[in-house]
Amino acid sequence: MEWQAEGTVIARRPHGETAVIIDVLTLEHGRHAGVVPGGASQKRAAMLQPGARLSLRWRAR
């Protein structure tokens, strides 16, 4: 399954050493949680703050 949407980050929590789990709210798909590898890096941390609007591409097995 793969889909794309725009959404707003509503929560963020650490997962392991470098990844984060974000909760995102979208109009089309509602609330979803996903892992962002490398999301704890300084470059990505600012982009993944709660309230940030993102263009998302979700992939699931």
N, C-alpha and C. Protein backbone atom coordinates (compact mmCIF):
# COMPACT_ATOMS: atom_id res chain seq x y z
N MET A 1 0.85 -1.17 0.00
CA MET A 1 0.00 0.00 0.00
C MET A 1 0.89 1.24 0.00
N GLU A 2 0.57 2.18 -0.84
CA GLU A 2 1.31 3.44 -0.90
C GLU A 2 0.33 4.56 -1.21
N TRP A 3 0.46 5.68 -0.51
CA TRP A 3 -0.38 6.84 -0.78
C TRP A 3 0.37 8.12 -0.48
N GLN A 4 -0.12 9.22 -1.06
CA GLN A 4 0.47 10.55 -0.85
C GLN A 4 -0.60 11.51 -0.38
N ALA A 5 -0.21 12.43 0.48
CA ALA A 5 -1.15 13.44 0.99
C ALA A 5 -0.36 14.56 1.65
N GLU A 6 -1.06 15.64 1.93
CA GLU A 6 -0.50 16.71 2.75
C GLU A 6 -1.11 16.58 4.13
N GLY A 7 -0.30 16.86 5.16
CA GLY A 7 -0.79 16.72 6.51
C GLY A 7 -0.05 17.61 7.48
N THR A 8 -0.53 17.60 8.72
CA THR A 8 0.05 18.39 9.80
C THR A 8 0.57 17.45 10.88
N VAL A 9 1.80 17.68 11.31
CA VAL A 9 2.38 16.88 12.39
C VAL A 9 1.68 17.26 13.69
N ILE A 10 1.15 16.25 14.40
CA ILE A 10 0.49 16.54 15.67
C ILE A 10 1.29 16.04 16.88
N ALA A 11 2.22 15.11 16.66
CA ALA A 11 3.07 14.63 17.76
C ALA A 11 4.33 14.00 17.18
N ARG A 12 5.36 13.95 18.02
CA ARG A 12 6.64 13.37 17.61
C ARG A 12 7.28 12.74 18.84
N ARG A 13 7.81 11.53 18.69
CA ARG A 13 8.50 10.87 19.80
C ARG A 13 9.68 10.07 19.27
N PRO A 14 10.73 9.93 20.07
CA PRO A 14 11.93 9.22 19.61
C PRO A 14 11.68 7.72 19.44
N HIS A 15 12.43 7.13 18.53
CA HIS A 15 12.36 5.69 18.29
C HIS A 15 13.78 5.21 17.97
N GLY A 16 14.42 4.58 18.92
CA GLY A 16 15.80 4.17 18.73
C GLY A 16 16.74 5.36 18.83
N GLU A 17 17.90 5.25 18.20
CA GLU A 17 18.90 6.31 18.30
C GLU A 17 18.68 7.45 17.33
N THR A 18 18.26 7.16 16.11
CA THR A 18 18.19 8.22 15.10
C THR A 18 16.81 8.42 14.48
N ALA A 19 15.89 7.52 14.73
CA ALA A 19 14.56 7.62 14.10
C ALA A 19 13.57 8.30 15.05
N VAL A 20 12.46 8.78 14.48
CA VAL A 20 11.34 9.30 15.27
C VAL A 20 10.04 8.73 14.72
N ILE A 21 9.04 8.69 15.57
CA ILE A 21 7.70 8.32 15.15
C ILE A 21 6.88 9.60 15.16
N ILE A 22 6.23 9.90 14.04
CA ILE A 22 5.39 11.10 13.99
C ILE A 22 3.93 10.69 13.82
N ASP A 23 3.05 11.45 14.44
CA ASP A 23 1.61 11.32 14.23
C ASP A 23 1.21 12.48 13.34
N VAL A 24 0.52 12.16 12.25
CA VAL A 24 0.15 13.16 11.25
C VAL A 24 -1.35 13.10 11.02
N LEU A 25 -1.96 14.26 10.85
CA LEU A 25 -3.38 14.36 10.55
C LEU A 25 -3.55 14.84 9.12
N THR A 26 -4.27 14.05 8.29
CA THR A 26 -4.52 14.43 6.90
C THR A 26 -6.03 14.50 6.66
N LEU A 27 -6.44 15.26 5.66
CA LEU A 27 -7.86 15.34 5.33
C LEU A 27 -8.38 14.04 4.73
N GLU A 28 -7.60 13.42 3.86
CA GLU A 28 -8.05 12.24 3.13
C GLU A 28 -8.01 10.96 3.96
N HIS A 29 -7.01 10.83 4.84
CA HIS A 29 -6.77 9.56 5.52
C HIS A 29 -6.86 9.63 7.04
N GLY A 30 -7.13 10.79 7.60
CA GLY A 30 -7.24 10.91 9.05
C GLY A 30 -5.89 10.92 9.74
N ARG A 31 -5.85 10.34 10.93
CA ARG A 31 -4.62 10.32 11.73
C ARG A 31 -3.83 9.05 11.45
N HIS A 32 -2.53 9.22 11.20
CA HIS A 32 -1.63 8.10 10.96
C HIS A 32 -0.33 8.33 11.69
N ALA A 33 0.30 7.23 12.10
CA ALA A 33 1.63 7.29 12.71
C ALA A 33 2.61 6.60 11.78
N GLY A 34 3.82 7.13 11.72
CA GLY A 34 4.83 6.53 10.87
C GLY A 34 6.23 6.80 11.38
N VAL A 35 7.15 5.91 11.00
CA VAL A 35 8.55 6.03 11.39
C VAL A 35 9.29 6.85 10.35
N VAL A 36 10.11 7.80 10.81
CA VAL A 36 10.96 8.60 9.93
C VAL A 36 12.41 8.27 10.27
N PRO A 37 13.06 7.43 9.44
CA PRO A 37 14.47 7.13 9.70
C PRO A 37 15.31 8.40 9.59
N GLY A 38 16.19 8.61 10.53
CA GLY A 38 17.03 9.81 10.52
C GLY A 38 16.30 11.05 10.96
N GLY A 39 15.09 10.92 11.47
CA GLY A 39 14.29 12.07 11.87
C GLY A 39 14.81 12.82 13.07
N ALA A 40 15.72 12.22 13.82
CA ALA A 40 16.28 12.90 14.99
C ALA A 40 17.48 13.77 14.64
N SER A 41 17.90 13.77 13.37
CA SER A 41 19.05 14.58 12.97
C SER A 41 18.71 16.07 13.05
N GLN A 42 19.71 16.91 13.14
CA GLN A 42 19.48 18.35 13.24
C GLN A 42 18.78 18.89 12.00
N LYS A 43 19.07 18.34 10.84
CA LYS A 43 18.43 18.82 9.61
C LYS A 43 16.94 18.54 9.59
N ARG A 44 16.54 17.34 10.00
CA ARG A 44 15.13 16.95 9.93
C ARG A 44 14.32 17.32 11.17
N ALA A 45 14.98 17.54 12.29
CA ALA A 45 14.26 17.79 13.54
C ALA A 45 13.36 19.03 13.45
N ALA A 46 13.84 20.10 12.85
CA ALA A 46 13.04 21.33 12.74
C ALA A 46 11.84 21.12 11.83
N MET A 47 11.99 20.31 10.81
CA MET A 47 10.92 20.07 9.85
C MET A 47 9.81 19.20 10.44
N LEU A 48 10.11 18.44 11.49
CA LEU A 48 9.15 17.48 12.05
C LEU A 48 8.55 17.94 13.37
N GLN A 49 8.58 19.23 13.65
CA GLN A 49 7.99 19.76 14.88
C GLN A 49 6.46 19.75 14.78
N PRO A 50 5.75 19.55 15.91
CA PRO A 50 4.29 19.60 15.88
C PRO A 50 3.79 20.93 15.29
N GLY A 51 2.80 20.82 14.43
CA GLY A 51 2.24 21.99 13.75
C GLY A 51 2.79 22.20 12.36
N ALA A 52 3.85 21.50 12.01
CA ALA A 52 4.46 21.65 10.68
C ALA A 52 3.59 20.98 9.62
N ARG A 53 3.45 21.65 8.47
CA ARG A 53 2.71 21.08 7.34
C ARG A 53 3.71 20.37 6.44
N LEU A 54 3.38 19.14 6.05
CA LEU A 54 4.28 18.33 5.24
C LEU A 54 3.56 17.72 4.05
N SER A 55 4.30 17.48 3.00
CA SER A 55 3.84 16.67 1.89
C SER A 55 4.38 15.27 2.17
N LEU A 56 3.50 14.29 2.27
CA LEU A 56 3.87 12.96 2.76
C LEU A 56 3.71 11.89 1.69
N ARG A 57 4.57 10.88 1.78
CA ARG A 57 4.40 9.67 0.98
C ARG A 57 4.56 8.50 1.94
N TRP A 58 3.50 7.74 2.11
CA TRP A 58 3.49 6.62 3.05
C TRP A 58 3.61 5.32 2.28
N ARG A 59 4.43 4.43 2.81
CA ARG A 59 4.57 3.10 2.24
C ARG A 59 4.42 2.07 3.36
N ALA A 60 3.65 1.03 3.11
CA ALA A 60 3.45 -0.03 4.09
C ALA A 60 3.62 -1.39 3.42
N ARG A 61 3.96 -2.35 4.22
CA ARG A 61 4.11 -3.71 3.70
C ARG A 61 2.78 -4.40 3.58
